[in-house]
All heavy atoms as atom14 arrays in JSON, in Angstrom:
{
  "sequence": "DEAFRKPVDAVDAEKLTAPLWAYLDELQPLLWQGGENYPSSAAQQLNW",
  "atom14_mask": [
    [1, 1, 1, 1, 1, 1, 1, 1, 0, 0, 0, 0, 0, 0],
    [1, 1, 1, 1, 1, 1, 1, 1, 1, 0, 0, 0, 0, 0],
    [1, 1, 1, 1, 1, 0, 0, 0, 0, 0, 0, 0, 0, 0],
    [1, 1, 1, 1, 1, 1, 1, 1, 1, 1, 1, 0, 0, 0],
    [1, 1, 1, 1, 1, 1, 1, 1, 1, 1, 1, 0, 0, 0],
    [1, 1, 1, 1, 1, 1, 1, 1, 1, 0, 0, 0, 0, 0],
    [1, 1, 1, 1, 1, 1, 1, 0, 0, 0, 0, 0, 0, 0],
    [1, 1, 1, 1, 1, 1, 1, 0, 0, 0, 0, 0, 0, 0],
    [1, 1, 1, 1, 1, 1, 1, 1, 0, 0, 0, 0, 0, 0],
    [1, 1, 1, 1, 1, 0, 0, 0, 0, 0, 0, 0, 0, 0],
    [1, 1, 1, 1, 1, 1, 1, 0, 0, 0, 0, 0, 0, 0],
    [1, 1, 1, 1, 1, 1, 1, 1, 0, 0, 0, 0, 0, 0],
    [1, 1, 1, 1, 1, 0, 0, 0, 0, 0, 0, 0, 0, 0],
    [1, 1, 1, 1, 1, 1, 1, 1, 1, 0, 0, 0, 0, 0],
    [1, 1, 1, 1, 1, 1, 1, 1, 1, 0, 0, 0, 0, 0],
    [1, 1, 1, 1, 1, 1, 1, 1, 0, 0, 0, 0, 0, 0],
    [1, 1, 1, 1, 1, 1, 1, 0, 0, 0, 0, 0, 0, 0],
    [1, 1, 1, 1, 1, 0, 0, 0, 0, 0, 0, 0, 0, 0],
    [1, 1, 1, 1, 1, 1, 1, 0, 0, 0, 0, 0, 0, 0],
    [1, 1, 1, 1, 1, 1, 1, 1, 0, 0, 0, 0, 0, 0],
    [1, 1, 1, 1, 1, 1, 1, 1, 1, 1, 1, 1, 1, 1],
    [1, 1, 1, 1, 1, 0, 0, 0, 0, 0, 0, 0, 0, 0],
    [1, 1, 1, 1, 1, 1, 1, 1, 1, 1, 1, 1, 0, 0],
    [1, 1, 1, 1, 1, 1, 1, 1, 0, 0, 0, 0, 0, 0],
    [1, 1, 1, 1, 1, 1, 1, 1, 0, 0, 0, 0, 0, 0],
    [1, 1, 1, 1, 1, 1, 1, 1, 1, 0, 0, 0, 0, 0],
    [1, 1, 1, 1, 1, 1, 1, 1, 0, 0, 0, 0, 0, 0],
    [1, 1, 1, 1, 1, 1, 1, 1, 1, 0, 0, 0, 0, 0],
    [1, 1, 1, 1, 1, 1, 1, 0, 0, 0, 0, 0, 0, 0],
    [1, 1, 1, 1, 1, 1, 1, 1, 0, 0, 0, 0, 0, 0],
    [1, 1, 1, 1, 1, 1, 1, 1, 0, 0, 0, 0, 0, 0],
    [1, 1, 1, 1, 1, 1, 1, 1, 1, 1, 1, 1, 1, 1],
    [1, 1, 1, 1, 1, 1, 1, 1, 1, 0, 0, 0, 0, 0],
    [1, 1, 1, 1, 0, 0, 0, 0, 0, 0, 0, 0, 0, 0],
    [1, 1, 1, 1, 0, 0, 0, 0, 0, 0, 0, 0, 0, 0],
    [1, 1, 1, 1, 1, 1, 1, 1, 1, 0, 0, 0, 0, 0],
    [1, 1, 1, 1, 1, 1, 1, 1, 0, 0, 0, 0, 0, 0],
    [1, 1, 1, 1, 1, 1, 1, 1, 1, 1, 1, 1, 0, 0],
    [1, 1, 1, 1, 1, 1, 1, 0, 0, 0, 0, 0, 0, 0],
    [1, 1, 1, 1, 1, 1, 0, 0, 0, 0, 0, 0, 0, 0],
    [1, 1, 1, 1, 1, 1, 0, 0, 0, 0, 0, 0, 0, 0],
    [1, 1, 1, 1, 1, 0, 0, 0, 0, 0, 0, 0, 0, 0],
    [1, 1, 1, 1, 1, 0, 0, 0, 0, 0, 0, 0, 0, 0],
    [1, 1, 1, 1, 1, 1, 1, 1, 1, 0, 0, 0, 0, 0],
    [1, 1, 1, 1, 1, 1, 1, 1, 1, 0, 0, 0, 0, 0],
    [1, 1, 1, 1, 1, 1, 1, 1, 0, 0, 0, 0, 0, 0],
    [1, 1, 1, 1, 1, 1, 1, 1, 0, 0, 0, 0, 0, 0],
    [1, 1, 1, 1, 1, 1, 1, 1, 1, 1, 1, 1, 1, 1]
  ],
  "atom14_positions": [
    [[104.17, 98.15, 124.01], [102.74, 98.42, 124.09], [101.9, 97.31, 123.47], [100.83, 96.96, 123.99], [102.42, 99.74, 123.39], [103.08, 100.94, 124.07], [103.86, 100.72, 125.0], [102.8, 102.07, 123.65], [0.0, 0.0, 0.0], [0.0, 0.0, 0.0], [0.0, 0.0, 0.0], [0.0, 0.0, 0.0], [0.0, 0.0, 0.0], [0.0, 0.0, 0.0]],
    [[102.35, 96.75, 122.34], [101.55, 95.74, 121.64], [101.35, 94.48, 122.47], [100.35, 93.77, 122.3], [102.21, 95.39, 120.31], [102.18, 96.53, 119.29], [102.71, 96.1, 117.93], [102.98, 94.89, 117.77], [102.82, 96.96, 117.04], [0.0, 0.0, 0.0], [0.0, 0.0, 0.0], [0.0, 0.0, 0.0], [0.0, 0.0, 0.0], [0.0, 0.0, 0.0]],
    [[102.26, 94.21, 123.38], [102.13, 93.01, 124.21], [100.88, 93.05, 125.09], [100.28, 92.02, 125.39], [103.36, 92.85, 125.09], [0.0, 0.0, 0.0], [0.0, 0.0, 0.0], [0.0, 0.0, 0.0], [0.0, 0.0, 0.0], [0.0, 0.0, 0.0], [0.0, 0.0, 0.0], [0.0, 0.0, 0.0], [0.0, 0.0, 0.0], [0.0, 0.0, 0.0]],
    [[100.46, 94.25, 125.47], [99.32, 94.39, 126.36], [97.99, 94.26, 125.63], [96.94, 94.18, 126.27], [99.39, 95.73, 127.1], [100.65, 95.88, 127.91], [101.58, 96.85, 127.6], [100.9, 95.03, 128.99], [102.75, 96.98, 128.34], [102.07, 95.16, 129.73], [103.0, 96.13, 129.41], [0.0, 0.0, 0.0], [0.0, 0.0, 0.0], [0.0, 0.0, 0.0]],
    [[98.03, 94.21, 124.31], [96.8, 94.0, 123.54], [96.55, 92.51, 123.32], [95.52, 92.12, 122.77], [96.9, 94.72, 122.19], [97.1, 96.22, 122.32], [97.31, 96.87, 120.97], [98.03, 98.13, 121.09], [98.51, 98.81, 120.07], [98.34, 98.35, 118.85], [99.17, 99.95, 120.27], [0.0, 0.0, 0.0], [0.0, 0.0, 0.0], [0.0, 0.0, 0.0]],
    [[97.5, 91.68, 123.75], [97.35, 90.23, 123.64], [96.83, 89.66, 124.96], [96.99, 90.28, 126.01], [98.71, 89.6, 123.3], [99.32, 90.1, 122.0], [100.71, 89.5, 121.79], [101.36, 90.01, 120.51], [102.72, 89.47, 120.32], [0.0, 0.0, 0.0], [0.0, 0.0, 0.0], [0.0, 0.0, 0.0], [0.0, 0.0, 0.0], [0.0, 0.0, 0.0]],
    [[96.23, 88.49, 124.93], [95.81, 87.85, 126.19], [96.99, 87.69, 127.13], [98.12, 87.44, 126.7], [95.27, 86.49, 125.73], [94.85, 86.71, 124.31], [95.83, 87.7, 123.75], [0.0, 0.0, 0.0], [0.0, 0.0, 0.0], [0.0, 0.0, 0.0], [0.0, 0.0, 0.0], [0.0, 0.0, 0.0], [0.0, 0.0, 0.0], [0.0, 0.0, 0.0]],
    [[96.74, 87.84, 128.41], [97.82, 87.85, 129.38], [98.58, 86.53, 129.41], [99.8, 86.5, 129.69], [97.25, 88.2, 130.78], [96.41, 87.06, 131.34], [98.35, 88.61, 131.75], [0.0, 0.0, 0.0], [0.0, 0.0, 0.0], [0.0, 0.0, 0.0], [0.0, 0.0, 0.0], [0.0, 0.0, 0.0], [0.0, 0.0, 0.0], [0.0, 0.0, 0.0]],
    [[97.91, 85.42, 129.08], [98.6, 84.12, 129.09], [99.37, 83.85, 127.8], [99.99, 82.81, 127.65], [97.61, 82.99, 129.38], [96.46, 82.91, 128.37], [96.49, 83.69, 127.39], [95.55, 82.09, 128.57], [0.0, 0.0, 0.0], [0.0, 0.0, 0.0], [0.0, 0.0, 0.0], [0.0, 0.0, 0.0], [0.0, 0.0, 0.0], [0.0, 0.0, 0.0]],
    [[99.33, 84.83, 126.86], [100.07, 84.66, 125.61], [101.42, 85.38, 125.64], [102.17, 85.33, 124.67], [99.24, 85.19, 124.44], [0.0, 0.0, 0.0], [0.0, 0.0, 0.0], [0.0, 0.0, 0.0], [0.0, 0.0, 0.0], [0.0, 0.0, 0.0], [0.0, 0.0, 0.0], [0.0, 0.0, 0.0], [0.0, 0.0, 0.0], [0.0, 0.0, 0.0]],
    [[101.72, 86.04, 126.76], [102.97, 86.78, 126.89], [103.6, 86.46, 128.25], [102.99, 85.79, 129.09], [102.73, 88.3, 126.77], [102.19, 88.65, 125.4], [101.78, 88.79, 127.86], [0.0, 0.0, 0.0], [0.0, 0.0, 0.0], [0.0, 0.0, 0.0], [0.0, 0.0, 0.0], [0.0, 0.0, 0.0], [0.0, 0.0, 0.0], [0.0, 0.0, 0.0]],
    [[104.81, 86.95, 128.46], [105.47, 86.78, 129.75], [105.03, 87.93, 130.67], [105.72, 88.94, 130.82], [106.99, 86.79, 129.57], [107.74, 86.39, 130.84], [107.13, 86.44, 131.93], [108.94, 86.07, 130.75], [0.0, 0.0, 0.0], [0.0, 0.0, 0.0], [0.0, 0.0, 0.0], [0.0, 0.0, 0.0], [0.0, 0.0, 0.0], [0.0, 0.0, 0.0]],
    [[103.85, 87.76, 131.28], [103.27, 88.83, 132.08], [104.13, 89.19, 133.29], [104.23, 90.37, 133.66], [101.87, 88.42, 132.54], [0.0, 0.0, 0.0], [0.0, 0.0, 0.0], [0.0, 0.0, 0.0], [0.0, 0.0, 0.0], [0.0, 0.0, 0.0], [0.0, 0.0, 0.0], [0.0, 0.0, 0.0], [0.0, 0.0, 0.0], [0.0, 0.0, 0.0]],
    [[104.74, 88.2, 133.9], [105.57, 88.47, 135.08], [106.74, 89.4, 134.72], [107.03, 90.37, 135.44], [106.1, 87.16, 135.67], [106.89, 87.34, 136.96], [107.31, 86.02, 137.57], [106.83, 84.96, 137.1], [108.12, 86.05, 138.52], [0.0, 0.0, 0.0], [0.0, 0.0, 0.0], [0.0, 0.0, 0.0], [0.0, 0.0, 0.0], [0.0, 0.0, 0.0]],
    [[107.37, 89.13, 133.6], [108.5, 89.97, 133.17], [108.03, 91.36, 132.76], [108.66, 92.37, 133.1], [109.22, 89.3, 132.0], [110.44, 90.06, 131.51], [111.13, 89.31, 130.37], [112.35, 90.09, 129.86], [113.02, 89.34, 128.74], [0.0, 0.0, 0.0], [0.0, 0.0, 0.0], [0.0, 0.0, 0.0], [0.0, 0.0, 0.0], [0.0, 0.0, 0.0]],
    [[106.89, 91.41, 132.07], [106.38, 92.69, 131.59], [105.96, 93.61, 132.73], [106.09, 94.84, 132.63], [105.18, 92.47, 130.66], [105.49, 92.0, 129.24], [104.22, 91.55, 128.55], [106.16, 93.11, 128.44], [0.0, 0.0, 0.0], [0.0, 0.0, 0.0], [0.0, 0.0, 0.0], [0.0, 0.0, 0.0], [0.0, 0.0, 0.0], [0.0, 0.0, 0.0]],
    [[105.46, 93.04, 133.82], [104.95, 93.86, 134.91], [105.97, 94.11, 136.02], [105.71, 94.9, 136.92], [103.69, 93.23, 135.53], [104.0, 91.89, 135.97], [102.56, 93.18, 134.54], [0.0, 0.0, 0.0], [0.0, 0.0, 0.0], [0.0, 0.0, 0.0], [0.0, 0.0, 0.0], [0.0, 0.0, 0.0], [0.0, 0.0, 0.0], [0.0, 0.0, 0.0]],
    [[107.13, 93.47, 135.95], [108.14, 93.66, 137.0], [108.49, 95.14, 137.21], [108.6, 95.6, 138.37], [109.4, 92.85, 136.67], [0.0, 0.0, 0.0], [0.0, 0.0, 0.0], [0.0, 0.0, 0.0], [0.0, 0.0, 0.0], [0.0, 0.0, 0.0], [0.0, 0.0, 0.0], [0.0, 0.0, 0.0], [0.0, 0.0, 0.0], [0.0, 0.0, 0.0]],
    [[108.66, 95.95, 136.14], [108.96, 97.38, 136.37], [107.83, 98.11, 137.1], [108.1, 99.05, 137.85], [109.14, 97.93, 134.95], [109.5, 96.74, 134.12], [108.73, 95.6, 134.72], [0.0, 0.0, 0.0], [0.0, 0.0, 0.0], [0.0, 0.0, 0.0], [0.0, 0.0, 0.0], [0.0, 0.0, 0.0], [0.0, 0.0, 0.0], [0.0, 0.0, 0.0]],
    [[106.59, 97.69, 136.9], [105.46, 98.34, 137.58], [105.53, 98.12, 139.08], [105.37, 99.07, 139.86], [104.14, 97.8, 137.02], [102.88, 98.26, 137.77], [102.7, 99.77, 137.62], [101.65, 97.52, 137.26], [0.0, 0.0, 0.0], [0.0, 0.0, 0.0], [0.0, 0.0, 0.0], [0.0, 0.0, 0.0], [0.0, 0.0, 0.0], [0.0, 0.0, 0.0]],
    [[105.77, 96.87, 139.51], [105.79, 96.59, 140.95], [106.99, 97.25, 141.62], [106.87, 97.76, 142.74], [105.77, 95.09, 141.19], [104.72, 94.37, 140.4], [104.88, 93.31, 139.56], [103.31, 94.69, 140.35], [103.69, 92.95, 138.99], [102.7, 93.77, 139.45], [102.52, 95.67, 140.95], [101.34, 93.8, 139.17], [101.15, 95.7, 140.66], [100.58, 94.78, 139.78]],
    [[108.11, 97.3, 140.92], [109.27, 98.0, 141.48], [108.97, 99.49, 141.64], [109.34, 100.12, 142.64], [110.49, 97.8, 140.58], [0.0, 0.0, 0.0], [0.0, 0.0, 0.0], [0.0, 0.0, 0.0], [0.0, 0.0, 0.0], [0.0, 0.0, 0.0], [0.0, 0.0, 0.0], [0.0, 0.0, 0.0], [0.0, 0.0, 0.0], [0.0, 0.0, 0.0]],
    [[108.28, 100.05, 140.66], [107.91, 101.46, 140.7], [106.94, 101.74, 141.85], [107.11, 102.7, 142.62], [107.26, 101.84, 139.37], [106.74, 103.26, 139.3], [107.55, 104.29, 138.84], [105.44, 103.57, 139.67], [107.08, 105.59, 138.76], [104.95, 104.86, 139.61], [105.78, 105.87, 139.15], [105.29, 107.16, 139.09], [0.0, 0.0, 0.0], [0.0, 0.0, 0.0]],
    [[105.91, 100.9, 141.98], [104.92, 101.11, 143.03], [105.52, 100.96, 144.43], [105.09, 101.63, 145.38], [103.74, 100.16, 142.86], [102.79, 100.47, 141.7], [101.66, 99.45, 141.64], [102.21, 101.88, 141.82], [0.0, 0.0, 0.0], [0.0, 0.0, 0.0], [0.0, 0.0, 0.0], [0.0, 0.0, 0.0], [0.0, 0.0, 0.0], [0.0, 0.0, 0.0]],
    [[106.52, 100.11, 144.56], [107.2, 99.98, 145.86], [107.82, 101.31, 146.27], [107.85, 101.65, 147.47], [108.29, 98.9, 145.79], [107.72, 97.49, 145.76], [106.52, 97.33, 146.09], [108.46, 96.55, 145.38], [0.0, 0.0, 0.0], [0.0, 0.0, 0.0], [0.0, 0.0, 0.0], [0.0, 0.0, 0.0], [0.0, 0.0, 0.0], [0.0, 0.0, 0.0]],
    [[108.3, 102.07, 145.3], [108.86, 103.4, 145.6], [107.75, 104.43, 145.82], [107.88, 105.33, 146.66], [109.75, 103.86, 144.44], [111.06, 103.12, 144.3], [111.97, 103.78, 143.27], [112.36, 104.96, 143.51], [112.26, 103.15, 142.24], [0.0, 0.0, 0.0], [0.0, 0.0, 0.0], [0.0, 0.0, 0.0], [0.0, 0.0, 0.0], [0.0, 0.0, 0.0]],
    [[106.68, 104.3, 145.06], [105.61, 105.29, 145.13], [104.75, 105.16, 146.39], [104.32, 106.18, 146.96], [104.72, 105.18, 143.89], [103.56, 106.17, 143.78], [104.07, 107.6, 143.66], [102.65, 105.82, 142.59], [0.0, 0.0, 0.0], [0.0, 0.0, 0.0], [0.0, 0.0, 0.0], [0.0, 0.0, 0.0], [0.0, 0.0, 0.0], [0.0, 0.0, 0.0]],
    [[104.51, 103.93, 146.85], [103.56, 103.69, 147.93], [103.77, 104.58, 149.15], [102.83, 105.21, 149.63], [103.58, 102.21, 148.34], [102.97, 101.26, 147.33], [101.51, 101.52, 147.03], [101.17, 101.97, 145.94], [100.67, 101.29, 147.99], [0.0, 0.0, 0.0], [0.0, 0.0, 0.0], [0.0, 0.0, 0.0], [0.0, 0.0, 0.0], [0.0, 0.0, 0.0]],
    [[104.97, 104.65, 149.73], [105.13, 105.46, 150.94], [104.98, 106.97, 150.71], [104.84, 107.73, 151.67], [106.56, 105.14, 151.4], [107.25, 104.64, 150.18], [106.21, 103.95, 149.37], [0.0, 0.0, 0.0], [0.0, 0.0, 0.0], [0.0, 0.0, 0.0], [0.0, 0.0, 0.0], [0.0, 0.0, 0.0], [0.0, 0.0, 0.0], [0.0, 0.0, 0.0]],
    [[104.98, 107.39, 149.46], [104.84, 108.81, 149.13], [103.39, 109.2, 148.86], [103.08, 110.39, 148.68], [105.68, 109.14, 147.89], [107.17, 108.79, 147.97], [107.84, 109.01, 146.62], [107.86, 109.64, 149.05], [0.0, 0.0, 0.0], [0.0, 0.0, 0.0], [0.0, 0.0, 0.0], [0.0, 0.0, 0.0], [0.0, 0.0, 0.0], [0.0, 0.0, 0.0]],
    [[102.5, 108.21, 148.83], [101.09, 108.46, 148.54], [100.38, 109.1, 149.73], [100.92, 109.19, 150.84], [100.4, 107.15, 148.17], [100.83, 106.47, 146.87], [100.17, 105.1, 146.75], [100.47, 107.34, 145.66], [0.0, 0.0, 0.0], [0.0, 0.0, 0.0], [0.0, 0.0, 0.0], [0.0, 0.0, 0.0], [0.0, 0.0, 0.0], [0.0, 0.0, 0.0]],
    [[99.15, 109.5, 149.48], [98.27, 110.0, 150.54], [98.2, 108.99, 151.69], [98.05, 107.79, 151.46], [96.88, 110.24, 149.93], [95.82, 110.64, 150.89], [95.67, 111.85, 151.5], [94.75, 109.82, 151.36], [94.56, 111.84, 152.3], [93.97, 110.6, 152.24], [94.36, 108.5, 151.1], [92.84, 110.12, 152.88], [93.24, 108.01, 151.73], [92.49, 108.8, 152.6]],
    [[98.37, 109.48, 152.9], [98.39, 108.64, 154.1], [99.41, 107.51, 154.01], [99.2, 106.42, 154.55], [97.0, 108.07, 154.39], [96.0, 109.16, 154.79], [94.72, 108.61, 155.39], [94.48, 107.41, 155.41], [93.89, 109.51, 155.91], [0.0, 0.0, 0.0], [0.0, 0.0, 0.0], [0.0, 0.0, 0.0], [0.0, 0.0, 0.0], [0.0, 0.0, 0.0]],
    [[100.52, 107.81, 153.36], [101.61, 106.84, 153.27], [101.25, 105.55, 152.57], [101.9, 104.53, 152.76], [0.0, 0.0, 0.0], [0.0, 0.0, 0.0], [0.0, 0.0, 0.0], [0.0, 0.0, 0.0], [0.0, 0.0, 0.0], [0.0, 0.0, 0.0], [0.0, 0.0, 0.0], [0.0, 0.0, 0.0], [0.0, 0.0, 0.0], [0.0, 0.0, 0.0]],
    [[100.21, 105.58, 151.72], [99.8, 104.37, 151.02], [99.08, 103.37, 151.91], [98.84, 102.23, 151.49], [0.0, 0.0, 0.0], [0.0, 0.0, 0.0], [0.0, 0.0, 0.0], [0.0, 0.0, 0.0], [0.0, 0.0, 0.0], [0.0, 0.0, 0.0], [0.0, 0.0, 0.0], [0.0, 0.0, 0.0], [0.0, 0.0, 0.0], [0.0, 0.0, 0.0]],
    [[98.7, 103.79, 153.12], [97.99, 102.89, 154.03], [96.5, 102.81, 153.68], [95.83, 101.83, 153.99], [98.15, 103.36, 155.48], [99.55, 103.2, 156.03], [100.0, 101.75, 156.08], [99.17, 100.88, 156.47], [101.15, 101.47, 155.72], [0.0, 0.0, 0.0], [0.0, 0.0, 0.0], [0.0, 0.0, 0.0], [0.0, 0.0, 0.0], [0.0, 0.0, 0.0]],
    [[95.99, 103.87, 153.07], [94.59, 103.92, 152.65], [94.51, 104.5, 151.25], [95.45, 105.17, 150.79], [93.76, 104.77, 153.61], [93.69, 104.15, 155.0], [93.09, 103.1, 155.19], [94.29, 104.81, 155.98], [0.0, 0.0, 0.0], [0.0, 0.0, 0.0], [0.0, 0.0, 0.0], [0.0, 0.0, 0.0], [0.0, 0.0, 0.0], [0.0, 0.0, 0.0]],
    [[93.37, 104.27, 150.6], [93.18, 104.72, 149.23], [91.78, 105.31, 149.08], [90.86, 104.92, 149.81], [93.3, 103.54, 148.24], [94.64, 102.87, 148.25], [94.94, 101.88, 149.2], [95.62, 103.21, 147.32], [96.18, 101.27, 149.21], [96.85, 102.6, 147.33], [97.13, 101.63, 148.28], [98.36, 101.03, 148.3], [0.0, 0.0, 0.0], [0.0, 0.0, 0.0]],
    [[91.6, 106.23, 148.14], [90.23, 106.64, 147.81], [89.44, 105.41, 147.36], [89.96, 104.54, 146.67], [90.43, 107.62, 146.64], [91.84, 108.1, 146.78], [92.61, 106.96, 147.34], [0.0, 0.0, 0.0], [0.0, 0.0, 0.0], [0.0, 0.0, 0.0], [0.0, 0.0, 0.0], [0.0, 0.0, 0.0], [0.0, 0.0, 0.0], [0.0, 0.0, 0.0]],
    [[88.19, 105.36, 147.76], [87.37, 104.2, 147.39], [86.84, 104.29, 145.98], [86.42, 103.29, 145.4], [86.2, 104.06, 148.37], [85.37, 105.22, 148.31], [0.0, 0.0, 0.0], [0.0, 0.0, 0.0], [0.0, 0.0, 0.0], [0.0, 0.0, 0.0], [0.0, 0.0, 0.0], [0.0, 0.0, 0.0], [0.0, 0.0, 0.0], [0.0, 0.0, 0.0]],
    [[86.86, 105.5, 145.4], [86.31, 105.69, 144.06], [86.91, 106.95, 143.45], [87.5, 107.79, 144.14], [84.79, 105.84, 144.14], [84.45, 107.04, 144.84], [0.0, 0.0, 0.0], [0.0, 0.0, 0.0], [0.0, 0.0, 0.0], [0.0, 0.0, 0.0], [0.0, 0.0, 0.0], [0.0, 0.0, 0.0], [0.0, 0.0, 0.0], [0.0, 0.0, 0.0]],
    [[86.71, 107.08, 142.14], [87.14, 108.29, 141.45], [86.36, 109.5, 141.96], [86.9, 110.6, 142.07], [86.95, 108.13, 139.95], [0.0, 0.0, 0.0], [0.0, 0.0, 0.0], [0.0, 0.0, 0.0], [0.0, 0.0, 0.0], [0.0, 0.0, 0.0], [0.0, 0.0, 0.0], [0.0, 0.0, 0.0], [0.0, 0.0, 0.0], [0.0, 0.0, 0.0]],
    [[85.07, 109.3, 142.28], [84.25, 110.4, 142.78], [84.78, 110.91, 144.12], [84.83, 112.13, 144.35], [82.8, 109.94, 142.92], [0.0, 0.0, 0.0], [0.0, 0.0, 0.0], [0.0, 0.0, 0.0], [0.0, 0.0, 0.0], [0.0, 0.0, 0.0], [0.0, 0.0, 0.0], [0.0, 0.0, 0.0], [0.0, 0.0, 0.0], [0.0, 0.0, 0.0]],
    [[85.16, 110.0, 144.99], [85.71, 110.42, 146.28], [87.03, 111.16, 146.1], [87.28, 112.2, 146.71], [85.93, 109.21, 147.19], [86.39, 109.6, 148.6], [86.58, 108.39, 149.5], [87.46, 107.57, 149.28], [85.72, 108.27, 150.5], [0.0, 0.0, 0.0], [0.0, 0.0, 0.0], [0.0, 0.0, 0.0], [0.0, 0.0, 0.0], [0.0, 0.0, 0.0]],
    [[87.88, 110.67, 145.22], [89.16, 111.34, 144.98], [88.94, 112.72, 144.36], [89.66, 113.67, 144.67], [90.07, 110.49, 144.09], [91.47, 111.1, 143.94], [92.47, 110.14, 143.34], [92.27, 108.93, 143.35], [93.57, 110.67, 142.83], [0.0, 0.0, 0.0], [0.0, 0.0, 0.0], [0.0, 0.0, 0.0], [0.0, 0.0, 0.0], [0.0, 0.0, 0.0]],
    [[87.95, 112.84, 143.49], [87.64, 114.13, 142.9], [87.24, 115.14, 143.98], [87.65, 116.31, 143.93], [86.52, 113.99, 141.87], [86.04, 115.29, 141.21], [87.17, 115.96, 140.44], [84.84, 115.03, 140.31], [0.0, 0.0, 0.0], [0.0, 0.0, 0.0], [0.0, 0.0, 0.0], [0.0, 0.0, 0.0], [0.0, 0.0, 0.0], [0.0, 0.0, 0.0]],
    [[86.45, 114.7, 144.94], [86.06, 115.59, 146.04], [87.27, 116.05, 146.83], [87.38, 117.24, 147.19], [85.07, 114.88, 146.97], [83.7, 114.71, 146.36], [83.32, 115.47, 145.46], [82.95, 113.73, 146.81], [0.0, 0.0, 0.0], [0.0, 0.0, 0.0], [0.0, 0.0, 0.0], [0.0, 0.0, 0.0], [0.0, 0.0, 0.0], [0.0, 0.0, 0.0]],
    [[88.21, 115.15, 147.08], [89.41, 115.53, 147.82], [90.29, 116.47, 146.99], [90.9, 117.39, 147.54], [90.19, 114.28, 148.21], [89.46, 113.43, 149.22], [88.37, 113.79, 149.96], [89.74, 112.09, 149.57], [87.96, 112.75, 150.75], [88.78, 111.69, 150.54], [90.7, 111.16, 149.17], [88.78, 110.42, 151.11], [90.69, 109.89, 149.75], [89.74, 109.54, 150.71]]
  ]
}
């Protein structure tokens, strides 16, 4: 957690975020409309 409180160029951002992109690759096809579209705002998502 402490790494994210530092400037992004002061840490190995690529290594730190690799688990996120791997996770999102699994999540994307399971999202609303298969991850092809997204709510444009929090207000729109709240309405849905």
